[in-house]
Amino acid sequence: MEVSDDLLKKFKERMRISHNSEDSNLKELLSFSIAD
């Protein structure tokens, strides 16, 4: 399942992450957590 930018944005807001340096790592992490 693809991690959308919208989902990434919501996750970052929830975790209070404002910088973009971790985006690719976060996307990878999220893709594992939502994979069936």
PDB file of N, CA and C in Angstrom:
ATOM      1  N   MET A   1       0.838  -1.199   0.000  1.00  0.00           N
ATOM      2  CA  MET A   1       0.000   0.000   0.000  1.00  0.00           C
ATOM      3  C   MET A   1       0.871   1.247   0.000  1.00  0.00           C
ATOM      4  N   GLU A   2       0.485   2.187  -0.818  1.00  0.00           N
ATOM      5  CA  GLU A   2       1.255   3.426  -0.955  1.00  0.00           C
ATOM      6  C   GLU A   2       0.964   4.378   0.201  1.00  0.00           C
ATOM      7  N   VAL A   3       1.997   4.974   0.742  1.00  0.00           N
ATOM      8  CA  VAL A   3       1.825   5.996   1.771  1.00  0.00           C
ATOM      9  C   VAL A   3       1.665   7.338   1.063  1.00  0.00           C
ATOM     10  N   SER A   4       0.475   7.891   1.168  1.00  0.00           N
ATOM     11  CA  SER A   4       0.222   9.163   0.494  1.00  0.00           C
ATOM     12  C   SER A   4       0.891  10.312   1.245  1.00  0.00           C
ATOM     13  N   ASP A   5       1.129  11.407   0.521  1.00  0.00           N
ATOM     14  CA  ASP A   5       1.716  12.580   1.157  1.00  0.00           C
ATOM     15  C   ASP A   5       0.797  13.131   2.237  1.00  0.00           C
ATOM     16  N   ASP A   6      -0.513  12.975   1.998  1.00  0.00           N
ATOM     17  CA  ASP A   6      -1.500  13.439   2.963  1.00  0.00           C
ATOM     18  C   ASP A   6      -1.386  12.662   4.274  1.00  0.00           C
ATOM     19  N   LEU A   7      -1.246  11.345   4.148  1.00  0.00           N
ATOM     20  CA  LEU A   7      -1.082  10.496   5.331  1.00  0.00           C
ATOM     21  C   LEU A   7       0.214  10.834   6.062  1.00  0.00           C
ATOM     22  N   LEU A   8       1.265  11.032   5.295  1.00  0.00           N
ATOM     23  CA  LEU A   8       2.555  11.395   5.876  1.00  0.00           C
ATOM     24  C   LEU A   8       2.445  12.715   6.634  1.00  0.00           C
ATOM     25  N   LYS A   9       1.736  13.669   6.039  1.00  0.00           N
ATOM     26  CA  LYS A   9       1.553  14.977   6.653  1.00  0.00           C
ATOM     27  C   LYS A   9       0.804  14.864   7.986  1.00  0.00           C
ATOM     28  N   LYS A  10      -0.258  14.081   7.988  1.00  0.00           N
ATOM     29  CA  LYS A  10      -1.038  13.883   9.217  1.00  0.00           C
ATOM     30  C   LYS A  10      -0.196  13.223  10.301  1.00  0.00           C
ATOM     31  N   PHE A  11       0.588  12.226   9.892  1.00  0.00           N
ATOM     32  CA  PHE A  11       1.458  11.528  10.836  1.00  0.00           C
ATOM     33  C   PHE A  11       2.474  12.491  11.444  1.00  0.00           C
ATOM     34  N   LYS A  12       3.074  13.326  10.594  1.00  0.00           N
ATOM     35  CA  LYS A  12       4.068  14.281  11.064  1.00  0.00           C
ATOM     36  C   LYS A  12       3.448  15.311  12.002  1.00  0.00           C
ATOM     37  N   GLU A  13       2.232  15.738  11.701  1.00  0.00           N
ATOM     38  CA  GLU A  13       1.542  16.682  12.577  1.00  0.00           C
ATOM     39  C   GLU A  13       1.293  16.051  13.940  1.00  0.00           C
ATOM     40  N   ARG A  14       0.856  14.815  13.917  1.00  0.00           N
ATOM     41  CA  ARG A  14       0.566  14.103  15.165  1.00  0.00           C
ATOM     42  C   ARG A  14       1.828  13.907  15.998  1.00  0.00           C
ATOM     43  N   MET A  15       2.923  13.620  15.312  1.00  0.00           N
ATOM     44  CA  MET A  15       4.189  13.398  16.012  1.00  0.00           C
ATOM     45  C   MET A  15       4.970  14.703  16.209  1.00  0.00           C
ATOM     46  N   ARG A  16       4.394  15.785  15.776  1.00  0.00           N
ATOM     47  CA  ARG A  16       5.017  17.116  15.846  1.00  0.00           C
ATOM     48  C   ARG A  16       6.386  17.140  15.158  1.00  0.00           C
ATOM     49  N   ILE A  17       6.420  16.580  13.972  1.00  0.00           N
ATOM     50  CA  ILE A  17       7.639  16.592  13.160  1.00  0.00           C
ATOM     51  C   ILE A  17       7.448  17.644  12.070  1.00  0.00           C
ATOM     52  N   SER A  18       8.278  18.664  12.084  1.00  0.00           N
ATOM     53  CA  SER A  18       8.090  19.745  11.122  1.00  0.00           C
ATOM     54  C   SER A  18       9.126  19.733   9.999  1.00  0.00           C
ATOM     55  N   HIS A  19      10.249  19.059  10.233  1.00  0.00           N
ATOM     56  CA  HIS A  19      11.298  19.021   9.213  1.00  0.00           C
ATOM     57  C   HIS A  19      11.047  17.896   8.213  1.00  0.00           C
ATOM     58  N   ASN A  20      11.699  17.985   7.070  1.00  0.00           N
ATOM     59  CA  ASN A  20      11.462  17.031   5.987  1.00  0.00           C
ATOM     60  C   ASN A  20      12.574  16.007   5.809  1.00  0.00           C
ATOM     61  N   SER A  21      13.607  16.103   6.617  1.00  0.00           N
ATOM     62  CA  SER A  21      14.760  15.224   6.405  1.00  0.00           C
ATOM     63  C   SER A  21      14.449  13.756   6.643  1.00  0.00           C
ATOM     64  N   GLU A  22      13.396  13.482   7.407  1.00  0.00           N
ATOM     65  CA  GLU A  22      13.051  12.095   7.725  1.00  0.00           C
ATOM     66  C   GLU A  22      11.928  11.542   6.854  1.00  0.00           C
ATOM     67  N   ASP A  23      11.456  12.308   5.882  1.00  0.00           N
ATOM     68  CA  ASP A  23      10.286  11.903   5.100  1.00  0.00           C
ATOM     69  C   ASP A  23      10.391  10.501   4.512  1.00  0.00           C
ATOM     70  N   SER A  24      11.511  10.198   3.880  1.00  0.00           N
ATOM     71  CA  SER A  24      11.636   8.882   3.245  1.00  0.00           C
ATOM     72  C   SER A  24      11.650   7.765   4.281  1.00  0.00           C
ATOM     73  N   ASN A  25      12.312   8.013   5.408  1.00  0.00           N
ATOM     74  CA  ASN A  25      12.319   7.020   6.486  1.00  0.00           C
ATOM     75  C   ASN A  25      10.934   6.835   7.082  1.00  0.00           C
ATOM     76  N   LEU A  26      10.232   7.941   7.281  1.00  0.00           N
ATOM     77  CA  LEU A  26       8.882   7.872   7.833  1.00  0.00           C
ATOM     78  C   LEU A  26       7.939   7.151   6.886  1.00  0.00           C
ATOM     79  N   LYS A  27       8.087   7.428   5.591  1.00  0.00           N
ATOM     80  CA  LYS A  27       7.249   6.751   4.596  1.00  0.00           C
ATOM     81  C   LYS A  27       7.475   5.246   4.635  1.00  0.00           C
ATOM     82  N   GLU A  28       8.723   4.852   4.768  1.00  0.00           N
ATOM     83  CA  GLU A  28       9.055   3.430   4.833  1.00  0.00           C
ATOM     84  C   GLU A  28       8.451   2.801   6.088  1.00  0.00           C
ATOM     85  N   LEU A  29       8.596   3.496   7.200  1.00  0.00           N
ATOM     86  CA  LEU A  29       8.037   3.027   8.466  1.00  0.00           C
ATOM     87  C   LEU A  29       6.525   2.886   8.376  1.00  0.00           C
ATOM     88  N   LEU A  30       5.877   3.897   7.828  1.00  0.00           N
ATOM     89  CA  LEU A  30       4.420   3.870   7.696  1.00  0.00           C
ATOM     90  C   LEU A  30       3.964   2.774   6.750  1.00  0.00           C
ATOM     91  N   SER A  31       4.716   2.556   5.693  1.00  0.00           N
ATOM     92  CA  SER A  31       4.315   1.523   4.732  1.00  0.00           C
ATOM     93  C   SER A  31       4.359   0.137   5.370  1.00  0.00           C
ATOM     94  N   PHE A  32       5.296  -0.073   6.293  1.00  0.00           N
ATOM     95  CA  PHE A  32       5.335  -1.345   7.021  1.00  0.00           C
ATOM     96  C   PHE A  32       4.157  -1.458   7.978  1.00  0.00           C
ATOM     97  N   SER A  33       3.831  -0.354   8.636  1.00  0.00           N
ATOM     98  CA  SER A  33       2.783  -0.404   9.662  1.00  0.00           C
ATOM     99  C   SER A  33       1.383  -0.562   9.083  1.00  0.00           C
ATOM    100  N   ILE A  34       1.189  -0.166   7.807  1.00  0.00           N
ATOM    101  CA  ILE A  34      -0.145  -0.314   7.212  1.00  0.00           C
ATOM    102  C   ILE A  34      -0.223  -1.472   6.227  1.00  0.00           C
ATOM    103  N   ALA A  35       0.893  -2.153   6.027  1.00  0.00           N
ATOM    104  CA  ALA A  35       0.885  -3.300   5.112  1.00  0.00           C
ATOM    105  C   ALA A  35       0.134  -4.471   5.730  1.00  0.00           C
ATOM    106  N   ASP A  36      -0.591  -5.172   4.903  1.00  0.00           N
ATOM    107  CA  ASP A  36      -1.330  -6.345   5.388  1.00  0.00           C
ATOM    108  C   ASP A  36      -0.448  -7.582   5.320  1.00  0.00           C
TER     109      ASP A  36
END
